[in-house]
Amino acid sequence: MRKVIAATLIAASLMLSACNTVKGLGRDIESVGEAGDKAI
């Protein structure tokens, strides 16, 4: 039972960290696009 709980917690933490990474990547891409618009 403890192994199942530990595996679930690890999986949940990985999913949350991946979600934050995708959000950060989206923000970076958006900022590059805005910088390109200002340069033109």
PDB file of N, CA and C in Angstrom:
ATOM      1  N   MET A   1       0.824  -1.204   0.000  1.00  0.00           N
ATOM      2  CA  MET A   1       0.000   0.000   0.000  1.00  0.00           C
ATOM      3  C   MET A   1       0.864   1.262   0.000  1.00  0.00           C
ATOM      4  N   ARG A   2       1.939   1.234   0.791  1.00  0.00           N
ATOM      5  CA  ARG A   2       2.817   2.411   0.852  1.00  0.00           C
ATOM      6  C   ARG A   2       3.477   2.676  -0.496  1.00  0.00           C
ATOM      7  N   LYS A   3       3.821   1.606  -1.220  1.00  0.00           N
ATOM      8  CA  LYS A   3       4.460   1.779  -2.527  1.00  0.00           C
ATOM      9  C   LYS A   3       3.506   2.442  -3.513  1.00  0.00           C
ATOM     10  N   VAL A   4       2.237   2.078  -3.436  1.00  0.00           N
ATOM     11  CA  VAL A   4       1.246   2.672  -4.332  1.00  0.00           C
ATOM     12  C   VAL A   4       1.084   4.160  -4.024  1.00  0.00           C
ATOM     13  N   ILE A   5       1.014   4.516  -2.765  1.00  0.00           N
ATOM     14  CA  ILE A   5       0.876   5.916  -2.374  1.00  0.00           C
ATOM     15  C   ILE A   5       2.113   6.704  -2.799  1.00  0.00           C
ATOM     16  N   ALA A   6       3.295   6.130  -2.586  1.00  0.00           N
ATOM     17  CA  ALA A   6       4.532   6.812  -2.965  1.00  0.00           C
ATOM     18  C   ALA A   6       4.590   7.012  -4.480  1.00  0.00           C
ATOM     19  N   ALA A   7       4.221   6.004  -5.239  1.00  0.00           N
ATOM     20  CA  ALA A   7       4.237   6.115  -6.696  1.00  0.00           C
ATOM     21  C   ALA A   7       3.239   7.169  -7.166  1.00  0.00           C
ATOM     22  N   THR A   8       2.090   7.230  -6.534  1.00  0.00           N
ATOM     23  CA  THR A   8       1.077   8.222  -6.895  1.00  0.00           C
ATOM     24  C   THR A   8       1.575   9.641  -6.613  1.00  0.00           C
ATOM     25  N   LEU A   9       2.201   9.836  -5.471  1.00  0.00           N
ATOM     26  CA  LEU A   9       2.731  11.157  -5.129  1.00  0.00           C
ATOM     27  C   LEU A   9       3.844  11.577  -6.088  1.00  0.00           C
ATOM     28  N   ILE A  10       4.704  10.647  -6.440  1.00  0.00           N
ATOM     29  CA  ILE A  10       5.787  10.955  -7.377  1.00  0.00           C
ATOM     30  C   ILE A  10       5.216  11.316  -8.739  1.00  0.00           C
ATOM     31  N   ALA A  11       4.243  10.545  -9.213  1.00  0.00           N
ATOM     32  CA  ALA A  11       3.632  10.824 -10.515  1.00  0.00           C
ATOM     33  C   ALA A  11       2.936  12.183 -10.512  1.00  0.00           C
ATOM     34  N   ALA A  12       2.245  12.501  -9.440  1.00  0.00           N
ATOM     35  CA  ALA A  12       1.545  13.779  -9.348  1.00  0.00           C
ATOM     36  C   ALA A  12       2.529  14.945  -9.348  1.00  0.00           C
ATOM     37  N   SER A  13       3.631  14.810  -8.634  1.00  0.00           N
ATOM     38  CA  SER A  13       4.615  15.892  -8.599  1.00  0.00           C
ATOM     39  C   SER A  13       5.282  16.078  -9.951  1.00  0.00           C
ATOM     40  N   LEU A  14       5.523  14.993 -10.681  1.00  0.00           N
ATOM     41  CA  LEU A  14       6.100  15.109 -12.023  1.00  0.00           C
ATOM     42  C   LEU A  14       5.136  15.795 -12.976  1.00  0.00           C
ATOM     43  N   MET A  15       3.864  15.473 -12.866  1.00  0.00           N
ATOM     44  CA  MET A  15       2.871  16.090 -13.747  1.00  0.00           C
ATOM     45  C   MET A  15       2.762  17.583 -13.455  1.00  0.00           C
ATOM     46  N   LEU A  16       2.804  17.970 -12.197  1.00  0.00           N
ATOM     47  CA  LEU A  16       2.713  19.393 -11.846  1.00  0.00           C
ATOM     48  C   LEU A  16       3.936  20.163 -12.315  1.00  0.00           C
ATOM     49  N   SER A  17       5.110  19.568 -12.174  1.00  0.00           N
ATOM     50  CA  SER A  17       6.322  20.263 -12.621  1.00  0.00           C
ATOM     51  C   SER A  17       6.348  20.378 -14.138  1.00  0.00           C
ATOM     52  N   ALA A  18       5.838  19.380 -14.843  1.00  0.00           N
ATOM     53  CA  ALA A  18       5.777  19.448 -16.305  1.00  0.00           C
ATOM     54  C   ALA A  18       4.818  20.544 -16.738  1.00  0.00           C
ATOM     55  N   CYS A  19       3.726  20.702 -16.032  1.00  0.00           N
ATOM     56  CA  CYS A  19       2.752  21.743 -16.366  1.00  0.00           C
ATOM     57  C   CYS A  19       3.384  23.114 -16.203  1.00  0.00           C
ATOM     58  N   ASN A  20       4.141  23.322 -15.148  1.00  0.00           N
ATOM     59  CA  ASN A  20       4.809  24.606 -14.934  1.00  0.00           C
ATOM     60  C   ASN A  20       5.842  24.864 -16.023  1.00  0.00           C
ATOM     61  N   THR A  21       6.518  23.817 -16.473  1.00  0.00           N
ATOM     62  CA  THR A  21       7.517  23.964 -17.525  1.00  0.00           C
ATOM     63  C   THR A  21       6.855  24.398 -18.823  1.00  0.00           C
ATOM     64  N   VAL A  22       5.721  23.817 -19.153  1.00  0.00           N
ATOM     65  CA  VAL A  22       5.006  24.172 -20.381  1.00  0.00           C
ATOM     66  C   VAL A  22       4.523  25.616 -20.304  1.00  0.00           C
ATOM     67  N   LYS A  23       4.046  26.033 -19.144  1.00  0.00           N
ATOM     68  CA  LYS A  23       3.619  27.432 -18.976  1.00  0.00           C
ATOM     69  C   LYS A  23       4.788  28.380 -19.188  1.00  0.00           C
ATOM     70  N   GLY A  24       5.935  28.052 -18.629  1.00  0.00           N
ATOM     71  CA  GLY A  24       7.119  28.889 -18.783  1.00  0.00           C
ATOM     72  C   GLY A  24       7.569  28.967 -20.225  1.00  0.00           C
ATOM     73  N   LEU A  25       7.498  27.839 -20.933  1.00  0.00           N
ATOM     74  CA  LEU A  25       7.872  27.819 -22.344  1.00  0.00           C
ATOM     75  C   LEU A  25       6.930  28.699 -23.150  1.00  0.00           C
ATOM     76  N   GLY A  26       5.653  28.640 -22.848  1.00  0.00           N
ATOM     77  CA  GLY A  26       4.676  29.483 -23.538  1.00  0.00           C
ATOM     78  C   GLY A  26       4.947  30.954 -23.313  1.00  0.00           C
ATOM     79  N   ARG A  27       5.306  31.311 -22.105  1.00  0.00           N
ATOM     80  CA  ARG A  27       5.622  32.717 -21.808  1.00  0.00           C
ATOM     81  C   ARG A  27       6.869  33.173 -22.568  1.00  0.00           C
ATOM     82  N   ASP A  28       7.871  32.288 -22.644  1.00  0.00           N
ATOM     83  CA  ASP A  28       9.092  32.641 -23.366  1.00  0.00           C
ATOM     84  C   ASP A  28       8.804  32.867 -24.841  1.00  0.00           C
ATOM     85  N   ILE A  29       8.017  32.002 -25.440  1.00  0.00           N
ATOM     86  CA  ILE A  29       7.685  32.136 -26.853  1.00  0.00           C
ATOM     87  C   ILE A  29       6.897  33.421 -27.082  1.00  0.00           C
ATOM     88  N   GLU A  30       5.984  33.712 -26.180  1.00  0.00           N
ATOM     89  CA  GLU A  30       5.178  34.931 -26.303  1.00  0.00           C
ATOM     90  C   GLU A  30       6.063  36.184 -26.210  1.00  0.00           C
ATOM     91  N   SER A  31       7.018  36.180 -25.302  1.00  0.00           N
ATOM     92  CA  SER A  31       7.886  37.351 -25.152  1.00  0.00           C
ATOM     93  C   SER A  31       8.777  37.538 -26.377  1.00  0.00           C
ATOM     94  N   VAL A  32       9.217  36.447 -26.990  1.00  0.00           N
ATOM     95  CA  VAL A  32      10.015  36.548 -28.216  1.00  0.00           C
ATOM     96  C   VAL A  32       9.160  37.147 -29.338  1.00  0.00           C
ATOM     97  N   GLY A  33       7.913  36.720 -29.439  1.00  0.00           N
ATOM     98  CA  GLY A  33       7.024  37.269 -30.457  1.00  0.00           C
ATOM     99  C   GLY A  33       6.776  38.747 -30.264  1.00  0.00           C
ATOM    100  N   GLU A  34       6.592  39.160 -29.026  1.00  0.00           N
ATOM    101  CA  GLU A  34       6.366  40.583 -28.739  1.00  0.00           C
ATOM    102  C   GLU A  34       7.618  41.401 -29.058  1.00  0.00           C
ATOM    103  N   ALA A  35       8.779  40.876 -28.768  1.00  0.00           N
ATOM    104  CA  ALA A  35      10.026  41.586 -29.069  1.00  0.00           C
ATOM    105  C   ALA A  35      10.181  41.730 -30.582  1.00  0.00           C
ATOM    106  N   GLY A  36       9.795  40.711 -31.331  1.00  0.00           N
ATOM    107  CA  GLY A  36       9.855  40.776 -32.786  1.00  0.00           C
ATOM    108  C   GLY A  36       8.897  41.826 -33.336  1.00  0.00           C
ATOM    109  N   ASP A  37       7.711  41.931 -32.737  1.00  0.00           N
ATOM    110  CA  ASP A  37       6.741  42.944 -33.172  1.00  0.00           C
ATOM    111  C   ASP A  37       7.278  44.354 -32.907  1.00  0.00           C
ATOM    112  N   LYS A  38       7.925  44.546 -31.788  1.00  0.00           N
ATOM    113  CA  LYS A  38       8.466  45.871 -31.458  1.00  0.00           C
ATOM    114  C   LYS A  38       9.626  46.250 -32.388  1.00  0.00           C
ATOM    115  N   ALA A  39      10.385  45.247 -32.815  1.00  0.00           N
ATOM    116  CA  ALA A  39      11.544  45.517 -33.674  1.00  0.00           C
ATOM    117  C   ALA A  39      11.109  45.896 -35.086  1.00  0.00           C
ATOM    118  N   ILE A  40       9.952  45.410 -35.485  1.00  0.00           N
ATOM    119  CA  ILE A  40       9.496  45.667 -36.872  1.00  0.00           C
ATOM    120  C   ILE A  40       8.805  46.962 -36.979  1.00  0.00           C
TER     121      ILE A  40
END
